[in-house]
Amino acid sequence: MSVTNVLGTELVPCSYDPLTGYFRDGCCNTDASDLGSHLVCVRVTREFLDFSLAHGNDLSTPRPGYRFAGLKPGDRWCLCANRWREALEAGCAPPVVLESTHRQALAFVSLAQLEKHRFRSALH
């Protein structure tokens, strides 16, 4: 059985560079061991990285021991659903790649909230 995204279609990879996902498989896949619920594929912004740092989660500094190169604006990343919601409430939610956002994210935020912040590439 395939994993679905918030649009009800097959979940597509979020990013291989940087390598993202709870399992570091490029996708926002999850299971019961993923206590952070890394479900929302975002395109990070400087504003969001600053917000995250101010809230105790430095996503910019490389941590090789965790296979983490550090993020920069424009990178795609599987973000914890609660952190995305916190950023939304603070007015700095990063854009969301709906096709790569796991369906379980809908337990934390609504599809309407995600769609309002949908990332649209230059191709769309």
N, C-alpha and C. Protein backbone atom coordinates (compact mmCIF):
# COMPACT_ATOMS: atom_id res chain seq x y z
N MET A 1 0.84 -1.17 0.00
CA MET A 1 0.00 0.00 0.00
C MET A 1 0.89 1.24 0.00
N SER A 2 0.57 2.21 -0.85
CA SER A 2 1.39 3.41 -0.93
C SER A 2 0.98 4.41 0.17
N VAL A 3 1.91 5.26 0.52
CA VAL A 3 1.67 6.31 1.50
C VAL A 3 1.09 7.51 0.75
N THR A 4 0.11 8.17 1.35
CA THR A 4 -0.52 9.29 0.67
C THR A 4 -0.18 10.62 1.31
N ASN A 5 -0.32 11.67 0.51
CA ASN A 5 -0.07 13.02 0.98
C ASN A 5 -1.40 13.68 1.36
N VAL A 6 -1.34 14.96 1.72
CA VAL A 6 -2.54 15.67 2.16
C VAL A 6 -3.55 15.88 1.03
N LEU A 7 -3.12 15.68 -0.22
CA LEU A 7 -4.03 15.81 -1.36
C LEU A 7 -4.71 14.49 -1.72
N GLY A 8 -4.30 13.41 -1.02
CA GLY A 8 -4.88 12.10 -1.27
C GLY A 8 -4.20 11.32 -2.38
N THR A 9 -3.08 11.84 -2.87
CA THR A 9 -2.32 11.15 -3.89
C THR A 9 -1.04 10.59 -3.26
N GLU A 10 -0.26 9.86 -4.05
CA GLU A 10 0.95 9.23 -3.52
C GLU A 10 1.95 10.29 -3.02
N LEU A 11 2.50 10.04 -1.84
CA LEU A 11 3.50 10.93 -1.26
C LEU A 11 4.75 10.94 -2.14
N VAL A 12 5.20 12.12 -2.52
CA VAL A 12 6.41 12.24 -3.33
C VAL A 12 7.55 12.75 -2.45
N PRO A 13 8.80 12.47 -2.82
CA PRO A 13 9.93 12.90 -2.01
C PRO A 13 9.94 14.41 -1.77
N CYS A 14 10.46 14.79 -0.63
CA CYS A 14 10.59 16.20 -0.25
C CYS A 14 11.96 16.72 -0.67
N SER A 15 13.04 16.04 -0.26
CA SER A 15 14.39 16.49 -0.62
C SER A 15 15.42 15.39 -0.38
N TYR A 16 16.31 15.26 -1.35
CA TYR A 16 17.47 14.38 -1.19
C TYR A 16 18.73 15.21 -0.91
N ASP A 17 18.66 16.52 -1.14
CA ASP A 17 19.81 17.41 -0.90
C ASP A 17 19.29 18.76 -0.45
N PRO A 18 19.21 18.99 0.87
CA PRO A 18 19.69 18.11 1.92
C PRO A 18 18.77 16.89 2.11
N LEU A 19 19.37 15.82 2.58
CA LEU A 19 18.62 14.59 2.82
C LEU A 19 17.73 14.79 4.04
N THR A 20 16.43 14.68 3.83
CA THR A 20 15.46 14.98 4.87
C THR A 20 14.65 13.75 5.25
N GLY A 21 13.74 13.97 6.18
CA GLY A 21 12.83 12.93 6.64
C GLY A 21 13.29 12.32 7.94
N TYR A 22 12.34 11.89 8.72
CA TYR A 22 12.65 11.24 9.99
C TYR A 22 13.58 10.06 9.78
N PHE A 23 13.39 9.35 8.68
CA PHE A 23 14.23 8.19 8.37
C PHE A 23 15.40 8.55 7.47
N ARG A 24 15.55 9.83 7.15
CA ARG A 24 16.58 10.32 6.22
C ARG A 24 16.51 9.53 4.91
N ASP A 25 15.27 9.45 4.39
CA ASP A 25 15.03 8.76 3.13
C ASP A 25 14.53 9.71 2.05
N GLY A 26 14.53 11.02 2.35
CA GLY A 26 14.09 12.01 1.38
C GLY A 26 12.61 12.31 1.43
N CYS A 27 11.85 11.52 2.20
CA CYS A 27 10.40 11.67 2.26
C CYS A 27 9.95 11.98 3.69
N CYS A 28 8.77 12.56 3.79
CA CYS A 28 8.19 12.86 5.10
C CYS A 28 7.41 11.64 5.60
N ASN A 29 8.07 10.48 5.57
CA ASN A 29 7.49 9.24 6.09
C ASN A 29 7.52 9.26 7.61
N THR A 30 6.70 8.43 8.21
CA THR A 30 6.59 8.42 9.67
C THR A 30 6.20 7.03 10.16
N ASP A 31 6.36 6.82 11.44
CA ASP A 31 5.82 5.66 12.13
C ASP A 31 5.70 6.03 13.60
N ALA A 32 5.34 5.09 14.43
CA ALA A 32 5.09 5.38 15.84
C ALA A 32 6.33 5.89 16.59
N SER A 33 7.52 5.61 16.09
CA SER A 33 8.73 6.08 16.77
C SER A 33 9.04 7.55 16.48
N ASP A 34 8.36 8.15 15.51
CA ASP A 34 8.57 9.55 15.13
C ASP A 34 7.76 10.46 16.06
N LEU A 35 8.29 10.69 17.25
CA LEU A 35 7.57 11.46 18.25
C LEU A 35 7.41 12.93 17.85
N GLY A 36 8.26 13.43 16.96
CA GLY A 36 8.17 14.81 16.50
C GLY A 36 7.21 15.01 15.35
N SER A 37 6.73 13.92 14.76
CA SER A 37 5.81 14.00 13.62
C SER A 37 6.36 14.88 12.50
N HIS A 38 7.46 14.43 11.89
CA HIS A 38 8.14 15.15 10.81
C HIS A 38 7.37 14.94 9.51
N LEU A 39 6.26 15.64 9.36
CA LEU A 39 5.27 15.35 8.33
C LEU A 39 5.11 16.41 7.25
N VAL A 40 5.52 17.65 7.55
CA VAL A 40 5.24 18.77 6.65
C VAL A 40 6.48 19.13 5.85
N CYS A 41 6.39 18.97 4.53
CA CYS A 41 7.50 19.33 3.65
C CYS A 41 7.42 20.84 3.39
N VAL A 42 8.46 21.55 3.80
CA VAL A 42 8.49 23.00 3.63
C VAL A 42 9.70 23.43 2.82
N ARG A 43 9.63 24.63 2.34
CA ARG A 43 10.77 25.31 1.73
C ARG A 43 11.14 26.38 2.75
N VAL A 44 12.24 26.16 3.45
CA VAL A 44 12.57 27.03 4.59
C VAL A 44 12.92 28.45 4.14
N THR A 45 12.60 29.38 5.01
CA THR A 45 12.89 30.79 4.80
C THR A 45 13.81 31.27 5.92
N ARG A 46 14.48 32.38 5.71
CA ARG A 46 15.32 32.96 6.76
C ARG A 46 14.46 33.29 7.97
N GLU A 47 13.28 33.85 7.74
CA GLU A 47 12.38 34.20 8.84
C GLU A 47 12.04 32.98 9.68
N PHE A 48 11.76 31.86 9.02
CA PHE A 48 11.43 30.65 9.77
C PHE A 48 12.66 30.12 10.52
N LEU A 49 13.83 30.11 9.88
CA LEU A 49 15.04 29.62 10.56
C LEU A 49 15.33 30.45 11.80
N ASP A 50 15.13 31.76 11.73
CA ASP A 50 15.32 32.63 12.89
C ASP A 50 14.29 32.32 13.97
N PHE A 51 13.05 32.09 13.57
CA PHE A 51 11.98 31.72 14.51
C PHE A 51 12.33 30.42 15.22
N SER A 52 12.76 29.42 14.46
CA SER A 52 13.08 28.13 15.02
C SER A 52 14.23 28.23 16.02
N LEU A 53 15.27 28.99 15.65
CA LEU A 53 16.41 29.19 16.55
C LEU A 53 15.95 29.86 17.85
N ALA A 54 15.11 30.87 17.74
CA ALA A 54 14.61 31.58 18.92
C ALA A 54 13.76 30.68 19.82
N HIS A 55 13.25 29.58 19.25
CA HIS A 55 12.44 28.64 20.02
C HIS A 55 13.20 27.36 20.36
N GLY A 56 14.54 27.45 20.33
CA GLY A 56 15.37 26.36 20.82
C GLY A 56 15.73 25.27 19.83
N ASN A 57 15.45 25.46 18.54
CA ASN A 57 15.79 24.44 17.56
C ASN A 57 16.62 25.07 16.44
N ASP A 58 17.93 24.96 16.56
CA ASP A 58 18.86 25.52 15.58
C ASP A 58 18.93 24.59 14.37
N LEU A 59 18.28 25.01 13.29
CA LEU A 59 18.27 24.21 12.07
C LEU A 59 19.33 24.64 11.07
N SER A 60 20.11 25.67 11.39
CA SER A 60 21.12 26.19 10.47
C SER A 60 22.51 25.61 10.69
N THR A 61 22.80 25.20 11.89
CA THR A 61 24.14 24.71 12.22
C THR A 61 24.29 23.24 11.84
N PRO A 62 25.33 22.91 11.06
CA PRO A 62 25.57 21.50 10.69
C PRO A 62 25.79 20.63 11.92
N ARG A 63 25.25 19.40 11.88
CA ARG A 63 25.44 18.41 12.92
C ARG A 63 25.72 17.08 12.23
N PRO A 64 26.98 16.89 11.82
CA PRO A 64 27.35 15.69 11.04
C PRO A 64 27.00 14.37 11.72
N GLY A 65 27.06 14.33 13.04
CA GLY A 65 26.72 13.11 13.77
C GLY A 65 25.29 12.65 13.54
N TYR A 66 24.44 13.59 13.14
CA TYR A 66 23.03 13.27 12.86
C TYR A 66 22.74 13.29 11.37
N ARG A 67 23.81 13.27 10.56
CA ARG A 67 23.67 13.38 9.10
C ARG A 67 22.87 14.62 8.72
N PHE A 68 23.21 15.75 9.38
CA PHE A 68 22.50 17.01 9.17
C PHE A 68 23.50 18.09 8.78
N ALA A 69 23.35 18.60 7.57
CA ALA A 69 24.29 19.60 7.04
C ALA A 69 23.94 21.03 7.43
N GLY A 70 22.81 21.23 8.08
CA GLY A 70 22.35 22.59 8.36
C GLY A 70 21.54 23.11 7.19
N LEU A 71 20.51 23.86 7.49
CA LEU A 71 19.62 24.36 6.44
C LEU A 71 19.90 25.81 6.10
N LYS A 72 19.59 26.16 4.86
CA LYS A 72 19.67 27.55 4.41
C LYS A 72 18.36 27.87 3.69
N PRO A 73 18.02 29.15 3.59
CA PRO A 73 16.78 29.51 2.90
C PRO A 73 16.72 28.88 1.51
N GLY A 74 15.55 28.34 1.20
CA GLY A 74 15.33 27.68 -0.09
C GLY A 74 15.41 26.16 -0.01
N ASP A 75 16.06 25.63 1.04
CA ASP A 75 16.11 24.18 1.21
C ASP A 75 14.72 23.64 1.52
N ARG A 76 14.47 22.42 1.08
CA ARG A 76 13.24 21.72 1.46
C ARG A 76 13.55 20.82 2.64
N TRP A 77 12.58 20.68 3.55
CA TRP A 77 12.81 19.95 4.78
C TRP A 77 11.52 19.40 5.33
N CYS A 78 11.54 18.20 5.88
CA CYS A 78 10.39 17.61 6.57
C CYS A 78 10.35 18.17 7.98
N LEU A 79 9.43 19.03 8.22
CA LEU A 79 9.31 19.76 9.48
C LEU A 79 8.29 19.10 10.39
N CYS A 80 8.53 19.21 11.69
CA CYS A 80 7.57 18.71 12.67
C CYS A 80 6.26 19.49 12.50
N ALA A 81 5.17 18.78 12.48
CA ALA A 81 3.86 19.41 12.25
C ALA A 81 3.54 20.46 13.32
N ASN A 82 3.86 20.18 14.57
CA ASN A 82 3.59 21.16 15.62
C ASN A 82 4.42 22.42 15.46
N ARG A 83 5.68 22.28 15.00
CA ARG A 83 6.52 23.46 14.79
C ARG A 83 5.98 24.31 13.65
N TRP A 84 5.47 23.66 12.59
CA TRP A 84 4.88 24.42 11.50
C TRP A 84 3.66 25.19 12.01
N ARG A 85 2.83 24.53 12.82
CA ARG A 85 1.66 25.20 13.38
C ARG A 85 2.06 26.37 14.27
N GLU A 86 3.11 26.20 15.08
CA GLU A 86 3.61 27.30 15.92
C GLU A 86 4.06 28.47 15.05
N ALA A 87 4.78 28.16 13.97
CA ALA A 87 5.23 29.22 13.06
C ALA A 87 4.04 29.90 12.39
N LEU A 88 3.03 29.12 12.05
CA LEU A 88 1.81 29.68 11.46
C LEU A 88 1.18 30.68 12.43
N GLU A 89 1.05 30.28 13.68
CA GLU A 89 0.45 31.15 14.69
C GLU A 89 1.29 32.40 14.93
N ALA A 90 2.61 32.31 14.71
CA ALA A 90 3.51 33.46 14.88
C ALA A 90 3.63 34.30 13.61
N GLY A 91 2.97 33.85 12.53
CA GLY A 91 2.99 34.62 11.29
C GLY A 91 4.22 34.41 10.42
N CYS A 92 4.93 33.30 10.64
CA CYS A 92 6.15 33.06 9.83
C CYS A 92 6.24 31.61 9.33
N ALA A 93 5.09 31.04 9.01
CA ALA A 93 5.09 29.66 8.51
C ALA A 93 5.78 29.60 7.15
N PRO A 94 6.70 28.67 6.98
CA PRO A 94 7.35 28.54 5.67
C PRO A 94 6.40 27.90 4.66
N PRO A 95 6.63 28.15 3.37
CA PRO A 95 5.78 27.55 2.33
C PRO A 95 5.82 26.03 2.38
N VAL A 96 4.69 25.42 2.05
CA VAL A 96 4.49 23.97 2.14
C VAL A 96 4.44 23.35 0.74
N VAL A 97 5.11 22.21 0.59
CA VAL A 97 5.02 21.41 -0.63
C VAL A 97 3.97 20.34 -0.35
N LEU A 98 2.75 20.58 -0.80
CA LEU A 98 1.62 19.71 -0.46
C LEU A 98 1.82 18.28 -0.94
N GLU A 99 2.36 18.09 -2.12
CA GLU A 99 2.54 16.76 -2.68
C GLU A 99 3.51 15.90 -1.85
N SER A 100 4.33 16.58 -1.05
CA SER A 100 5.34 15.89 -0.24
C SER A 100 5.02 15.93 1.25
N THR A 101 3.85 16.43 1.60
CA THR A 101 3.43 16.52 3.01
C THR A 101 2.53 15.32 3.33
N HIS A 102 2.94 14.55 4.33
CA HIS A 102 2.25 13.32 4.73
C HIS A 102 0.82 13.60 5.18
N ARG A 103 -0.09 12.70 4.83
CA ARG A 103 -1.51 12.87 5.17
C ARG A 103 -1.74 13.03 6.67
N GLN A 104 -0.89 12.45 7.50
CA GLN A 104 -1.08 12.54 8.94
C GLN A 104 -0.88 13.96 9.46
N ALA A 105 -0.34 14.86 8.65
CA ALA A 105 -0.21 16.26 9.05
C ALA A 105 -1.57 16.89 9.32
N LEU A 106 -2.61 16.31 8.71
CA LEU A 106 -3.95 16.85 8.87
C LEU A 106 -4.50 16.63 10.29
N ALA A 107 -3.81 15.85 11.09
CA ALA A 107 -4.18 15.71 12.50
C ALA A 107 -3.72 16.93 13.31
N PHE A 108 -2.85 17.75 12.73
CA PHE A 108 -2.27 18.89 13.42
C PHE A 108 -2.74 20.23 12.86
N VAL A 109 -2.94 20.28 11.54
CA VAL A 109 -3.36 21.50 10.85
C VAL A 109 -4.36 21.13 9.76
N SER A 110 -5.12 22.11 9.32
CA SER A 110 -6.12 21.83 8.30
C SER A 110 -5.52 21.94 6.90
N LEU A 111 -6.18 21.29 5.96
CA LEU A 111 -5.76 21.38 4.57
C LEU A 111 -5.84 22.83 4.11
N ALA A 112 -6.84 23.56 4.55
CA ALA A 112 -6.98 24.97 4.17
C ALA A 112 -5.77 25.79 4.64
N GLN A 113 -5.30 25.53 5.86
CA GLN A 113 -4.12 26.23 6.36
C GLN A 113 -2.90 25.91 5.51
N LEU A 114 -2.74 24.64 5.19
CA LEU A 114 -1.60 24.22 4.37
C LEU A 114 -1.69 24.82 2.97
N GLU A 115 -2.88 24.77 2.38
CA GLU A 115 -3.06 25.30 1.03
C GLU A 115 -2.79 26.80 0.96
N LYS A 116 -3.14 27.51 2.01
CA LYS A 116 -2.90 28.97 2.05
C LYS A 116 -1.40 29.28 1.98
N HIS A 117 -0.59 28.34 2.42
CA HIS A 117 0.87 28.53 2.45
C HIS A 117 1.57 27.63 1.44
N ARG A 118 0.85 27.20 0.44
CA ARG A 118 1.40 26.29 -0.58
C ARG A 118 2.57 26.93 -1.32
N PHE A 119 3.65 26.17 -1.44
CA PHE A 119 4.79 26.63 -2.23
C PHE A 119 4.45 26.46 -3.70
N ARG A 120 4.66 27.50 -4.44
CA ARG A 120 4.44 27.46 -5.88
C ARG A 120 5.76 27.80 -6.55
N SER A 121 6.29 26.83 -7.27
CA SER A 121 7.56 27.05 -7.96
C SER A 121 7.34 27.93 -9.17
N ALA A 122 8.43 28.35 -9.77
CA ALA A 122 8.36 29.20 -10.95
C ALA A 122 7.71 28.46 -12.11
N LEU A 123 7.64 27.12 -12.02
CA LEU A 123 7.04 26.32 -13.08
C LEU A 123 5.51 26.32 -13.03
N HIS A 124 4.94 26.75 -11.91
CA HIS A 124 3.47 26.72 -11.77
C HIS A 124 2.88 28.08 -11.96
